[in-house]
Amino acid sequence: MEAIRKRSLSCLSGSGFHKLSYLESGPEHPVPVVCLHGLARNARDFDNLAGALTAAGRRVICADVAGRGESGWLRRPMDYGYPQYLADTAALIARLDCEQVDIVGTSMGGLIGMMLAAQPDNPVRRLVINDVCPVYKQRPLQSARHQMATGRARLSPQPQSPQRHLNPLLKPPRRLRPAQLRTGPTSVYSIRFFVSFIPPSSDCARARESTREHVS
């Protein structure tokens, strides 16, 4: 696999600037592939796909959405939402200096892709989505918030321990790469994301209406 290049840019939210980190691989290509991950995931989910696409001559961009991976955290928890994610993705596409992009979106990343593709004069040429639906119900969101709030486990220091101990917290279980884990003192591992980006239950209905508006 071609070497992965770490990049970043500054994006603006209602409370100031934050870093948006992304991984770039492959040669120059007029239509980059932009990969957007799921709710509690990060750019390293696409390592294998990026390798296959770069081998086929494509330029691949894998972004860490705000609050995940190497990207910065937003100062206000309620800024975590699709308007901000769309603005950040638009800024990323502008950075790529291209007329069109192909988007691959998983779960939340698929929703971001659908919302971008629904905008007038959008740059999306092709959109590939998986593990996604246009509307999320309140109960799964509450379950996701609980999983993320408890997504920290005290582990023994052996290198093979993180995956084995975190598997019960991952729904469904997924293979974690070392780059997807933060290591704290006393052998505490956590997944690289900011817990506060799930909106309170009172905002779920509003979030659903916003999603319907963008994808209808």
N, C-alpha and C. Protein backbone atom coordinates (compact mmCIF):
# COMPACT_ATOMS: atom_id res chain seq x y z
N MET A 1 0.84 -1.19 0.00
CA MET A 1 0.00 0.00 0.00
C MET A 1 0.88 1.24 0.00
N GLU A 2 0.51 2.22 -0.81
CA GLU A 2 1.25 3.47 -0.88
C GLU A 2 1.21 4.18 0.47
N ALA A 3 2.27 4.93 0.76
CA ALA A 3 2.36 5.63 2.05
C ALA A 3 1.17 6.56 2.24
N ILE A 4 0.66 6.58 3.48
CA ILE A 4 -0.44 7.47 3.84
C ILE A 4 0.12 8.79 4.31
N ARG A 5 -0.42 9.86 3.79
CA ARG A 5 0.04 11.19 4.16
C ARG A 5 -0.97 11.83 5.10
N LYS A 6 -0.52 12.26 6.26
CA LYS A 6 -1.40 12.91 7.24
C LYS A 6 -1.51 14.40 6.91
N ARG A 7 -2.74 14.88 6.81
CA ARG A 7 -3.01 16.28 6.50
C ARG A 7 -4.03 16.83 7.49
N SER A 8 -4.18 18.14 7.49
CA SER A 8 -5.22 18.77 8.31
C SER A 8 -5.53 20.15 7.76
N LEU A 9 -6.68 20.67 8.12
CA LEU A 9 -7.05 22.04 7.80
C LEU A 9 -7.86 22.61 8.95
N SER A 10 -7.99 23.92 8.98
CA SER A 10 -8.77 24.59 10.01
C SER A 10 -10.18 24.83 9.51
N CYS A 11 -11.16 24.42 10.30
CA CYS A 11 -12.57 24.63 9.97
C CYS A 11 -13.20 25.50 11.05
N LEU A 12 -14.28 26.15 10.70
CA LEU A 12 -14.91 27.12 11.60
C LEU A 12 -16.25 26.62 12.09
N SER A 13 -16.46 26.70 13.40
CA SER A 13 -17.77 26.42 14.01
C SER A 13 -18.27 27.69 14.66
N GLY A 14 -19.42 27.62 15.33
CA GLY A 14 -19.96 28.79 15.99
C GLY A 14 -19.15 29.24 17.19
N SER A 15 -18.21 28.41 17.65
CA SER A 15 -17.42 28.75 18.83
C SER A 15 -15.93 28.88 18.52
N GLY A 16 -15.57 28.94 17.24
CA GLY A 16 -14.18 29.13 16.88
C GLY A 16 -13.69 28.08 15.89
N PHE A 17 -12.39 28.11 15.64
CA PHE A 17 -11.78 27.19 14.69
C PHE A 17 -11.43 25.86 15.37
N HIS A 18 -11.42 24.80 14.58
CA HIS A 18 -10.98 23.50 15.05
C HIS A 18 -10.24 22.79 13.92
N LYS A 19 -9.38 21.86 14.29
CA LYS A 19 -8.60 21.12 13.30
C LYS A 19 -9.42 19.97 12.74
N LEU A 20 -9.43 19.84 11.42
CA LEU A 20 -10.00 18.67 10.77
C LEU A 20 -8.85 17.87 10.17
N SER A 21 -8.64 16.68 10.68
CA SER A 21 -7.55 15.82 10.23
C SER A 21 -8.05 14.86 9.15
N TYR A 22 -7.18 14.56 8.19
CA TYR A 22 -7.54 13.58 7.17
C TYR A 22 -6.28 12.87 6.67
N LEU A 23 -6.50 11.70 6.11
CA LEU A 23 -5.42 10.89 5.55
C LEU A 23 -5.55 10.89 4.03
N GLU A 24 -4.44 11.08 3.35
CA GLU A 24 -4.44 11.14 1.89
C GLU A 24 -3.48 10.08 1.34
N SER A 25 -3.90 9.40 0.31
CA SER A 25 -3.04 8.41 -0.34
C SER A 25 -3.37 8.36 -1.82
N GLY A 26 -2.47 7.82 -2.59
CA GLY A 26 -2.70 7.68 -4.02
C GLY A 26 -2.15 8.84 -4.82
N PRO A 27 -2.12 8.67 -6.15
CA PRO A 27 -1.60 9.71 -7.04
C PRO A 27 -2.65 10.80 -7.28
N GLU A 28 -2.23 11.83 -7.97
CA GLU A 28 -3.18 12.87 -8.37
C GLU A 28 -4.26 12.25 -9.26
N HIS A 29 -5.49 12.69 -9.06
CA HIS A 29 -6.61 12.19 -9.86
C HIS A 29 -7.65 13.30 -9.90
N PRO A 30 -8.30 13.52 -11.03
CA PRO A 30 -9.26 14.63 -11.14
C PRO A 30 -10.48 14.47 -10.24
N VAL A 31 -10.80 13.23 -9.85
CA VAL A 31 -11.97 12.99 -8.99
C VAL A 31 -11.52 12.17 -7.77
N PRO A 32 -11.17 12.83 -6.66
CA PRO A 32 -10.76 12.08 -5.47
C PRO A 32 -11.93 11.29 -4.88
N VAL A 33 -11.59 10.24 -4.14
CA VAL A 33 -12.57 9.49 -3.36
C VAL A 33 -12.48 9.98 -1.92
N VAL A 34 -13.58 10.49 -1.39
CA VAL A 34 -13.62 10.99 -0.02
C VAL A 34 -14.39 9.98 0.83
N CYS A 35 -13.74 9.44 1.86
CA CYS A 35 -14.34 8.43 2.72
C CYS A 35 -14.72 9.04 4.06
N LEU A 36 -15.97 8.82 4.46
CA LEU A 36 -16.52 9.39 5.69
C LEU A 36 -17.01 8.26 6.58
N HIS A 37 -16.52 8.23 7.81
CA HIS A 37 -16.75 7.10 8.72
C HIS A 37 -18.05 7.24 9.50
N GLY A 38 -18.32 6.24 10.34
CA GLY A 38 -19.52 6.21 11.16
C GLY A 38 -19.40 7.01 12.44
N LEU A 39 -20.47 6.99 13.21
CA LEU A 39 -20.65 7.87 14.36
C LEU A 39 -19.49 7.86 15.34
N ALA A 40 -19.08 6.70 15.79
CA ALA A 40 -18.02 6.60 16.80
C ALA A 40 -16.76 5.96 16.22
N ARG A 41 -16.52 6.18 14.94
CA ARG A 41 -15.37 5.57 14.27
C ARG A 41 -14.38 6.66 13.86
N ASN A 42 -13.44 6.32 12.99
CA ASN A 42 -12.49 7.32 12.50
C ASN A 42 -11.93 6.89 11.15
N ALA A 43 -11.02 7.71 10.62
CA ALA A 43 -10.54 7.54 9.25
C ALA A 43 -9.85 6.21 9.02
N ARG A 44 -9.28 5.59 10.05
CA ARG A 44 -8.53 4.36 9.86
C ARG A 44 -9.42 3.17 9.50
N ASP A 45 -10.74 3.34 9.62
CA ASP A 45 -11.65 2.28 9.17
C ASP A 45 -11.45 1.95 7.69
N PHE A 46 -10.95 2.92 6.92
CA PHE A 46 -10.88 2.76 5.47
C PHE A 46 -9.48 2.37 4.98
N ASP A 47 -8.60 1.95 5.87
CA ASP A 47 -7.23 1.62 5.45
C ASP A 47 -7.21 0.59 4.32
N ASN A 48 -7.97 -0.49 4.48
CA ASN A 48 -7.96 -1.54 3.46
C ASN A 48 -8.57 -1.06 2.14
N LEU A 49 -9.69 -0.35 2.23
CA LEU A 49 -10.32 0.18 1.02
C LEU A 49 -9.40 1.18 0.33
N ALA A 50 -8.77 2.05 1.11
CA ALA A 50 -7.85 3.03 0.53
C ALA A 50 -6.71 2.34 -0.20
N GLY A 51 -6.21 1.25 0.38
CA GLY A 51 -5.13 0.51 -0.27
C GLY A 51 -5.56 -0.04 -1.62
N ALA A 52 -6.76 -0.59 -1.68
CA ALA A 52 -7.26 -1.15 -2.94
C ALA A 52 -7.49 -0.06 -3.98
N LEU A 53 -8.03 1.07 -3.55
CA LEU A 53 -8.33 2.14 -4.49
C LEU A 53 -7.06 2.82 -5.00
N THR A 54 -6.09 3.03 -4.11
CA THR A 54 -4.84 3.64 -4.57
C THR A 54 -4.10 2.71 -5.53
N ALA A 55 -4.20 1.41 -5.30
CA ALA A 55 -3.58 0.45 -6.22
C ALA A 55 -4.21 0.53 -7.61
N ALA A 56 -5.47 0.99 -7.66
CA ALA A 56 -6.16 1.16 -8.94
C ALA A 56 -5.97 2.55 -9.52
N GLY A 57 -5.12 3.36 -8.87
CA GLY A 57 -4.79 4.68 -9.41
C GLY A 57 -5.64 5.83 -8.91
N ARG A 58 -6.42 5.61 -7.84
CA ARG A 58 -7.28 6.67 -7.32
C ARG A 58 -6.60 7.43 -6.17
N ARG A 59 -6.93 8.68 -6.06
CA ARG A 59 -6.53 9.51 -4.92
C ARG A 59 -7.63 9.37 -3.86
N VAL A 60 -7.24 9.02 -2.63
CA VAL A 60 -8.21 8.70 -1.58
C VAL A 60 -7.98 9.62 -0.38
N ILE A 61 -9.08 10.18 0.11
CA ILE A 61 -9.07 11.07 1.27
C ILE A 61 -9.97 10.46 2.33
N CYS A 62 -9.42 10.18 3.50
CA CYS A 62 -10.20 9.62 4.60
C CYS A 62 -10.20 10.61 5.75
N ALA A 63 -11.35 11.15 6.06
CA ALA A 63 -11.44 12.24 7.04
C ALA A 63 -11.78 11.72 8.43
N ASP A 64 -11.24 12.39 9.45
CA ASP A 64 -11.71 12.24 10.83
C ASP A 64 -12.73 13.34 11.08
N VAL A 65 -13.99 12.97 11.25
CA VAL A 65 -15.02 13.97 11.54
C VAL A 65 -14.71 14.62 12.89
N ALA A 66 -15.11 15.87 13.06
CA ALA A 66 -14.82 16.62 14.29
C ALA A 66 -15.13 15.81 15.54
N GLY A 67 -14.19 15.80 16.48
CA GLY A 67 -14.37 15.07 17.73
C GLY A 67 -13.93 13.62 17.67
N ARG A 68 -13.47 13.17 16.51
CA ARG A 68 -13.04 11.79 16.36
C ARG A 68 -11.59 11.75 15.85
N GLY A 69 -10.93 10.60 16.09
CA GLY A 69 -9.59 10.41 15.55
C GLY A 69 -8.64 11.52 15.96
N GLU A 70 -7.92 12.08 14.97
CA GLU A 70 -6.94 13.13 15.23
C GLU A 70 -7.53 14.53 15.09
N SER A 71 -8.81 14.63 14.73
CA SER A 71 -9.43 15.95 14.59
C SER A 71 -9.67 16.59 15.95
N GLY A 72 -9.79 17.92 15.95
CA GLY A 72 -10.03 18.64 17.18
C GLY A 72 -11.45 18.47 17.68
N TRP A 73 -11.64 18.76 18.95
CA TRP A 73 -12.96 18.73 19.57
C TRP A 73 -13.61 20.10 19.47
N LEU A 74 -14.91 20.12 19.33
CA LEU A 74 -15.65 21.37 19.31
C LEU A 74 -15.86 21.85 20.75
N ARG A 75 -15.88 23.15 20.93
CA ARG A 75 -15.98 23.71 22.28
C ARG A 75 -17.37 23.54 22.89
N ARG A 76 -18.38 23.51 22.05
CA ARG A 76 -19.76 23.35 22.54
C ARG A 76 -20.30 22.01 22.08
N PRO A 77 -20.68 21.14 23.01
CA PRO A 77 -21.18 19.81 22.61
C PRO A 77 -22.31 19.85 21.60
N MET A 78 -23.19 20.85 21.71
CA MET A 78 -24.33 20.87 20.80
C MET A 78 -23.97 21.33 19.39
N ASP A 79 -22.70 21.69 19.16
CA ASP A 79 -22.27 21.97 17.79
C ASP A 79 -22.04 20.70 16.99
N TYR A 80 -21.99 19.54 17.70
CA TYR A 80 -21.83 18.27 16.98
C TYR A 80 -23.15 17.92 16.30
N GLY A 81 -23.18 18.07 15.00
CA GLY A 81 -24.40 17.79 14.25
C GLY A 81 -24.13 17.92 12.76
N TYR A 82 -25.12 17.58 11.96
CA TYR A 82 -24.90 17.53 10.52
C TYR A 82 -24.60 18.88 9.88
N PRO A 83 -25.18 20.00 10.34
CA PRO A 83 -24.77 21.27 9.71
C PRO A 83 -23.26 21.50 9.81
N GLN A 84 -22.67 21.19 10.97
CA GLN A 84 -21.22 21.36 11.12
C GLN A 84 -20.45 20.36 10.29
N TYR A 85 -20.92 19.11 10.27
CA TYR A 85 -20.22 18.08 9.49
C TYR A 85 -20.26 18.41 8.00
N LEU A 86 -21.39 18.94 7.53
CA LEU A 86 -21.49 19.32 6.12
C LEU A 86 -20.54 20.48 5.81
N ALA A 87 -20.49 21.46 6.70
CA ALA A 87 -19.59 22.61 6.48
C ALA A 87 -18.14 22.16 6.46
N ASP A 88 -17.78 21.26 7.39
CA ASP A 88 -16.40 20.77 7.44
C ASP A 88 -16.05 19.97 6.18
N THR A 89 -16.98 19.13 5.72
CA THR A 89 -16.72 18.33 4.53
C THR A 89 -16.62 19.22 3.30
N ALA A 90 -17.44 20.26 3.23
CA ALA A 90 -17.35 21.21 2.11
C ALA A 90 -15.99 21.91 2.11
N ALA A 91 -15.50 22.28 3.31
CA ALA A 91 -14.19 22.91 3.41
C ALA A 91 -13.09 21.93 2.96
N LEU A 92 -13.24 20.67 3.33
CA LEU A 92 -12.27 19.66 2.91
C LEU A 92 -12.25 19.50 1.40
N ILE A 93 -13.43 19.43 0.79
CA ILE A 93 -13.51 19.28 -0.66
C ILE A 93 -12.88 20.49 -1.35
N ALA A 94 -13.12 21.69 -0.79
CA ALA A 94 -12.51 22.89 -1.36
C ALA A 94 -10.99 22.81 -1.28
N ARG A 95 -10.47 22.27 -0.19
CA ARG A 95 -9.02 22.10 -0.03
C ARG A 95 -8.45 21.19 -1.13
N LEU A 96 -9.22 20.22 -1.58
CA LEU A 96 -8.73 19.24 -2.56
C LEU A 96 -8.58 19.84 -3.95
N ASP A 97 -9.15 21.01 -4.18
CA ASP A 97 -9.00 21.72 -5.45
C ASP A 97 -9.44 20.84 -6.62
N CYS A 98 -10.70 20.41 -6.55
CA CYS A 98 -11.25 19.54 -7.60
C CYS A 98 -12.69 19.98 -7.88
N GLU A 99 -13.17 19.60 -9.05
CA GLU A 99 -14.54 19.95 -9.44
C GLU A 99 -15.55 18.94 -8.93
N GLN A 100 -15.16 17.67 -8.82
CA GLN A 100 -16.07 16.61 -8.40
C GLN A 100 -15.36 15.65 -7.45
N VAL A 101 -16.16 14.95 -6.64
CA VAL A 101 -15.64 13.91 -5.76
C VAL A 101 -16.57 12.71 -5.80
N ASP A 102 -16.02 11.54 -5.53
CA ASP A 102 -16.81 10.36 -5.25
C ASP A 102 -16.76 10.16 -3.74
N ILE A 103 -17.91 9.93 -3.12
CA ILE A 103 -17.97 9.80 -1.66
C ILE A 103 -18.34 8.37 -1.28
N VAL A 104 -17.61 7.83 -0.32
CA VAL A 104 -17.95 6.56 0.31
C VAL A 104 -18.30 6.87 1.76
N GLY A 105 -19.51 6.56 2.17
CA GLY A 105 -19.96 6.89 3.52
C GLY A 105 -20.49 5.68 4.26
N THR A 106 -20.01 5.50 5.48
CA THR A 106 -20.49 4.43 6.35
C THR A 106 -21.34 5.03 7.46
N SER A 107 -22.57 4.54 7.61
CA SER A 107 -23.45 4.98 8.70
C SER A 107 -23.57 6.51 8.70
N MET A 108 -23.10 7.19 9.74
CA MET A 108 -23.18 8.65 9.79
C MET A 108 -22.53 9.28 8.56
N GLY A 109 -21.41 8.70 8.12
CA GLY A 109 -20.76 9.21 6.92
C GLY A 109 -21.65 9.11 5.69
N GLY A 110 -22.49 8.07 5.64
CA GLY A 110 -23.44 7.95 4.55
C GLY A 110 -24.49 9.05 4.59
N LEU A 111 -24.94 9.41 5.80
CA LEU A 111 -25.89 10.51 5.93
C LEU A 111 -25.27 11.83 5.48
N ILE A 112 -24.01 12.06 5.87
CA ILE A 112 -23.32 13.27 5.42
C ILE A 112 -23.27 13.29 3.89
N GLY A 113 -22.92 12.15 3.30
CA GLY A 113 -22.87 12.07 1.85
C GLY A 113 -24.20 12.34 1.19
N MET A 114 -25.29 11.75 1.76
CA MET A 114 -26.62 11.98 1.18
C MET A 114 -27.02 13.44 1.26
N MET A 115 -26.72 14.08 2.39
CA MET A 115 -27.08 15.49 2.55
C MET A 115 -26.28 16.37 1.60
N LEU A 116 -25.01 16.06 1.42
CA LEU A 116 -24.21 16.81 0.45
C LEU A 116 -24.77 16.64 -0.96
N ALA A 117 -25.09 15.39 -1.32
CA ALA A 117 -25.58 15.10 -2.67
C ALA A 117 -26.95 15.71 -2.93
N ALA A 118 -27.69 16.05 -1.85
CA ALA A 118 -29.01 16.65 -2.00
C ALA A 118 -28.96 18.16 -2.21
N GLN A 119 -27.78 18.77 -2.05
CA GLN A 119 -27.66 20.22 -2.17
C GLN A 119 -27.56 20.64 -3.64
N PRO A 120 -28.11 21.82 -3.97
CA PRO A 120 -27.97 22.32 -5.35
C PRO A 120 -26.50 22.52 -5.71
N ASP A 121 -26.15 22.24 -6.95
CA ASP A 121 -24.80 22.47 -7.47
C ASP A 121 -23.73 21.76 -6.65
N ASN A 122 -24.07 20.57 -6.13
CA ASN A 122 -23.11 19.84 -5.29
C ASN A 122 -22.01 19.21 -6.16
N PRO A 123 -20.86 18.89 -5.55
CA PRO A 123 -19.74 18.32 -6.31
C PRO A 123 -19.72 16.79 -6.32
N VAL A 124 -20.77 16.14 -5.83
CA VAL A 124 -20.76 14.69 -5.68
C VAL A 124 -21.07 14.03 -7.03
N ARG A 125 -20.10 13.29 -7.57
CA ARG A 125 -20.31 12.56 -8.82
C ARG A 125 -20.95 11.21 -8.55
N ARG A 126 -20.38 10.46 -7.60
CA ARG A 126 -20.92 9.17 -7.21
C ARG A 126 -20.97 9.10 -5.70
N LEU A 127 -21.96 8.37 -5.18
CA LEU A 127 -22.12 8.21 -3.74
C LEU A 127 -22.33 6.73 -3.42
N VAL A 128 -21.46 6.17 -2.59
CA VAL A 128 -21.57 4.79 -2.13
C VAL A 128 -21.82 4.82 -0.63
N ILE A 129 -22.92 4.21 -0.18
CA ILE A 129 -23.25 4.24 1.25
C ILE A 129 -23.47 2.82 1.75
N ASN A 130 -23.18 2.62 3.04
CA ASN A 130 -23.45 1.33 3.66
C ASN A 130 -23.76 1.53 5.14
N ASP A 131 -24.52 0.59 5.69
CA ASP A 131 -24.88 0.60 7.11
C ASP A 131 -25.55 1.91 7.49
N VAL A 132 -26.54 2.32 6.72
CA VAL A 132 -27.14 3.64 6.96
C VAL A 132 -28.60 3.64 6.57
N CYS A 133 -29.40 4.42 7.29
CA CYS A 133 -30.79 4.70 6.94
C CYS A 133 -31.00 6.20 7.11
N PRO A 134 -32.00 6.76 6.43
CA PRO A 134 -32.17 8.21 6.48
C PRO A 134 -32.73 8.74 7.79
N VAL A 135 -33.31 7.89 8.63
CA VAL A 135 -33.91 8.35 9.88
C VAL A 135 -33.52 7.39 11.00
N TYR A 136 -33.05 7.95 12.12
CA TYR A 136 -32.73 7.16 13.30
C TYR A 136 -33.79 7.38 14.37
N LYS A 137 -34.23 6.30 15.00
CA LYS A 137 -35.20 6.42 16.08
C LYS A 137 -34.50 6.74 17.40
N GLN A 138 -35.28 7.23 18.37
CA GLN A 138 -34.71 7.71 19.62
C GLN A 138 -34.07 6.59 20.44
N ARG A 139 -34.69 5.42 20.47
CA ARG A 139 -34.18 4.35 21.34
C ARG A 139 -32.77 3.91 20.96
N PRO A 140 -32.47 3.66 19.66
CA PRO A 140 -31.08 3.32 19.32
C PRO A 140 -30.09 4.42 19.67
N LEU A 141 -30.51 5.69 19.55
CA LEU A 141 -29.61 6.78 19.93
C LEU A 141 -29.29 6.73 21.41
N GLN A 142 -30.30 6.44 22.25
CA GLN A 142 -30.06 6.33 23.68
C GLN A 142 -29.10 5.19 23.97
N SER A 143 -29.27 4.06 23.28
CA SER A 143 -28.37 2.92 23.47
C SER A 143 -26.96 3.28 23.04
N ALA A 144 -26.82 4.00 21.90
CA ALA A 144 -25.50 4.40 21.43
C ALA A 144 -24.83 5.33 22.43
N ARG A 145 -25.62 6.26 23.00
CA ARG A 145 -25.04 7.19 23.98
C ARG A 145 -24.52 6.43 25.19
N HIS A 146 -25.29 5.42 25.64
CA HIS A 146 -24.86 4.63 26.78
C HIS A 146 -23.58 3.87 26.47
N GLN A 147 -23.50 3.27 25.28
CA GLN A 147 -22.30 2.52 24.91
C GLN A 147 -21.08 3.42 24.88
N MET A 148 -21.25 4.64 24.35
CA MET A 148 -20.10 5.54 24.25
C MET A 148 -19.72 6.10 25.61
N ALA A 149 -20.71 6.34 26.47
CA ALA A 149 -20.41 6.85 27.80
C ALA A 149 -19.65 5.83 28.63
N THR A 150 -19.82 4.55 28.33
CA THR A 150 -19.11 3.49 29.05
C THR A 150 -18.00 2.89 28.20
N GLY A 151 -17.60 3.59 27.14
CA GLY A 151 -16.63 3.05 26.20
C GLY A 151 -15.20 3.19 26.66
N ARG A 152 -14.94 3.02 27.94
CA ARG A 152 -13.59 3.11 28.49
C ARG A 152 -13.38 1.91 29.40
N ALA A 153 -12.31 1.21 29.24
CA ALA A 153 -12.08 -0.01 30.00
C ALA A 153 -10.68 -0.02 30.57
N ARG A 154 -10.53 -0.50 31.80
CA ARG A 154 -9.22 -0.65 32.41
C ARG A 154 -8.64 -2.00 31.98
N LEU A 155 -7.45 -1.97 31.42
CA LEU A 155 -6.90 -3.15 30.80
C LEU A 155 -5.55 -3.52 31.40
N SER A 156 -5.18 -4.79 31.24
CA SER A 156 -3.82 -5.18 31.57
C SER A 156 -2.89 -4.67 30.47
N PRO A 157 -1.59 -4.53 30.74
CA PRO A 157 -0.70 -3.84 29.79
C PRO A 157 -0.28 -4.66 28.59
N GLN A 158 -0.72 -5.92 28.45
CA GLN A 158 -0.28 -6.71 27.31
C GLN A 158 -0.79 -6.10 26.00
N PRO A 159 0.04 -6.11 24.94
CA PRO A 159 -0.35 -5.47 23.67
C PRO A 159 -1.63 -6.04 23.08
N GLN A 160 -1.93 -7.33 23.33
CA GLN A 160 -3.10 -7.93 22.70
C GLN A 160 -4.38 -7.63 23.46
N SER A 161 -4.30 -6.92 24.59
CA SER A 161 -5.46 -6.75 25.45
C SER A 161 -6.54 -5.81 24.93
N PRO A 162 -6.22 -4.66 24.32
CA PRO A 162 -7.28 -3.69 24.00
C PRO A 162 -8.45 -4.26 23.23
N GLN A 163 -8.18 -5.00 22.14
CA GLN A 163 -9.28 -5.51 21.33
C GLN A 163 -10.15 -6.46 22.14
N ARG A 164 -9.52 -7.36 22.89
CA ARG A 164 -10.27 -8.36 23.63
C ARG A 164 -11.17 -7.71 24.69
N HIS A 165 -10.67 -6.67 25.36
CA HIS A 165 -11.44 -6.06 26.43
C HIS A 165 -12.50 -5.09 25.90
N LEU A 166 -12.25 -4.48 24.74
CA LEU A 166 -13.21 -3.52 24.20
C LEU A 166 -14.30 -4.18 23.37
N ASN A 167 -14.07 -5.42 22.94
CA ASN A 167 -15.07 -6.10 22.11
C ASN A 167 -16.47 -6.06 22.70
N PRO A 168 -16.65 -6.32 24.03
CA PRO A 168 -18.01 -6.28 24.59
C PRO A 168 -18.68 -4.93 24.48
N LEU A 169 -17.88 -3.84 24.29
CA LEU A 169 -18.44 -2.50 24.23
C LEU A 169 -18.77 -2.08 22.81
N LEU A 170 -18.33 -2.85 21.83
CA LEU A 170 -18.54 -2.47 20.44
C LEU A 170 -19.73 -3.22 19.87
N LYS A 171 -20.72 -2.49 19.38
CA LYS A 171 -21.93 -3.08 18.84
C LYS A 171 -22.09 -2.64 17.39
N PRO A 172 -21.87 -3.52 16.40
CA PRO A 172 -21.36 -4.89 16.52
C PRO A 172 -19.86 -4.88 16.76
N PRO A 173 -19.26 -6.01 17.19
CA PRO A 173 -17.81 -6.06 17.39
C PRO A 173 -17.07 -5.75 16.09
N ARG A 174 -16.02 -4.93 16.18
CA ARG A 174 -15.23 -4.59 15.00
C ARG A 174 -13.76 -4.60 15.38
N ARG A 175 -12.93 -4.86 14.38
CA ARG A 175 -11.50 -4.88 14.60
C ARG A 175 -10.98 -3.46 14.75
N LEU A 176 -10.28 -3.19 15.86
CA LEU A 176 -9.70 -1.88 16.10
C LEU A 176 -8.23 -1.88 15.75
N ARG A 177 -7.76 -0.84 15.07
CA ARG A 177 -6.34 -0.68 14.79
C ARG A 177 -5.70 0.12 15.93
N PRO A 178 -4.38 -0.02 16.14
CA PRO A 178 -3.73 0.76 17.20
C PRO A 178 -4.00 2.26 17.08
N ALA A 179 -4.09 2.77 15.84
CA ALA A 179 -4.32 4.20 15.65
C ALA A 179 -5.70 4.63 16.11
N GLN A 180 -6.61 3.68 16.37
CA GLN A 180 -7.96 4.02 16.79
C GLN A 180 -8.12 4.04 18.30
N LEU A 181 -7.03 3.86 19.02
CA LEU A 181 -7.09 3.82 20.48
C LEU A 181 -6.23 4.92 21.08
N ARG A 182 -6.72 5.53 22.15
CA ARG A 182 -5.91 6.41 22.98
C ARG A 182 -5.46 5.63 24.21
N THR A 183 -4.23 5.82 24.63
CA THR A 183 -3.71 5.15 25.81
C THR A 183 -3.51 6.18 26.91
N GLY A 184 -4.11 5.94 28.06
CA GLY A 184 -3.97 6.83 29.20
C GLY A 184 -3.09 6.21 30.27
N PRO A 185 -2.98 6.87 31.44
CA PRO A 185 -2.18 6.33 32.53
C PRO A 185 -2.81 5.05 33.09
N THR A 186 -2.02 4.28 33.77
CA THR A 186 -2.45 3.03 34.43
C THR A 186 -3.18 2.10 33.47
N SER A 187 -2.68 2.02 32.23
CA SER A 187 -3.19 1.07 31.24
C SER A 187 -4.67 1.24 30.96
N VAL A 188 -5.15 2.49 30.88
CA VAL A 188 -6.53 2.77 30.49
C VAL A 188 -6.56 3.11 29.02
N TYR A 189 -7.36 2.39 28.26
CA TYR A 189 -7.52 2.64 26.84
C TYR A 189 -8.90 3.24 26.59
N SER A 190 -9.00 4.09 25.60
CA SER A 190 -10.31 4.57 25.18
C SER A 190 -10.30 4.71 23.67
N ILE A 191 -11.51 4.64 23.07
CA ILE A 191 -11.64 4.80 21.63
C ILE A 191 -11.57 6.28 21.30
N ARG A 192 -10.97 6.61 20.15
CA ARG A 192 -10.74 8.01 19.80
C ARG A 192 -12.01 8.70 19.32
N PHE A 193 -12.84 9.15 20.24
CA PHE A 193 -13.95 10.01 19.89
C PHE A 193 -14.37 10.79 21.12
N PHE A 194 -15.12 11.87 20.90
CA PHE A 194 -15.57 12.74 21.97
C PHE A 194 -16.96 12.32 22.38
N VAL A 195 -17.17 11.98 23.66
CA VAL A 195 -18.42 11.37 24.12
C VAL A 195 -19.61 12.31 23.98
N SER A 196 -19.42 13.62 24.09
CA SER A 196 -20.55 14.54 24.21
C SER A 196 -21.24 14.88 22.90
N PHE A 197 -20.88 14.21 21.78
CA PHE A 197 -21.50 14.65 20.53
C PHE A 197 -22.87 14.06 20.29
N ILE A 198 -23.37 13.12 21.14
CA ILE A 198 -24.73 12.62 21.00
C ILE A 198 -25.70 13.63 21.60
N PRO A 199 -26.69 14.11 20.83
CA PRO A 199 -27.61 15.10 21.38
C PRO A 199 -28.50 14.50 22.45
N PRO A 200 -28.94 15.32 23.43
CA PRO A 200 -29.89 14.83 24.43
C PRO A 200 -31.18 14.36 23.76
N SER A 201 -31.94 13.55 24.50
CA SER A 201 -33.16 12.97 23.92
C SER A 201 -34.12 14.03 23.42
N SER A 202 -34.18 15.18 24.11
CA SER A 202 -35.13 16.23 23.73
C SER A 202 -34.85 16.77 22.34
N ASP A 203 -33.63 16.56 21.83
CA ASP A 203 -33.27 17.07 20.52
C ASP A 203 -33.39 16.02 19.42
N CYS A 204 -33.76 14.81 19.78
CA CYS A 204 -33.79 13.74 18.78
C CYS A 204 -34.82 14.01 17.70
N ALA A 205 -36.02 14.47 18.10
CA ALA A 205 -37.06 14.74 17.12
C ALA A 205 -36.61 15.80 16.13
N ARG A 206 -35.97 16.86 16.65
CA ARG A 206 -35.49 17.91 15.78
C ARG A 206 -34.43 17.39 14.81
N ALA A 207 -33.53 16.51 15.32
CA ALA A 207 -32.50 15.93 14.47
C ALA A 207 -33.12 15.08 13.37
N ARG A 208 -34.17 14.31 13.71
CA ARG A 208 -34.83 13.48 12.71
C ARG A 208 -35.49 14.34 11.63
N GLU A 209 -36.14 15.43 12.04
CA GLU A 209 -36.79 16.30 11.07
C GLU A 209 -35.76 16.92 10.14
N SER A 210 -34.59 17.30 10.71
CA SER A 210 -33.55 17.87 9.90
C SER A 210 -33.04 16.87 8.88
N THR A 211 -32.91 15.61 9.30
CA THR A 211 -32.45 14.55 8.40
C THR A 211 -33.46 14.34 7.28
N ARG A 212 -34.75 14.27 7.63
CA ARG A 212 -35.78 14.07 6.60
C ARG A 212 -35.72 15.20 5.57
N GLU A 213 -35.54 16.42 6.06
CA GLU A 213 -35.53 17.58 5.17
C GLU A 213 -34.39 17.49 4.16
N HIS A 214 -33.24 16.96 4.61
CA HIS A 214 -32.07 16.93 3.73
C HIS A 214 -32.10 15.77 2.77
N VAL A 215 -32.74 14.67 3.12
CA VAL A 215 -32.65 13.49 2.26
C VAL A 215 -33.91 13.23 1.47
N SER A 216 -34.98 13.99 1.73
CA SER A 216 -36.22 13.76 1.00
C SER A 216 -36.11 14.30 -0.43
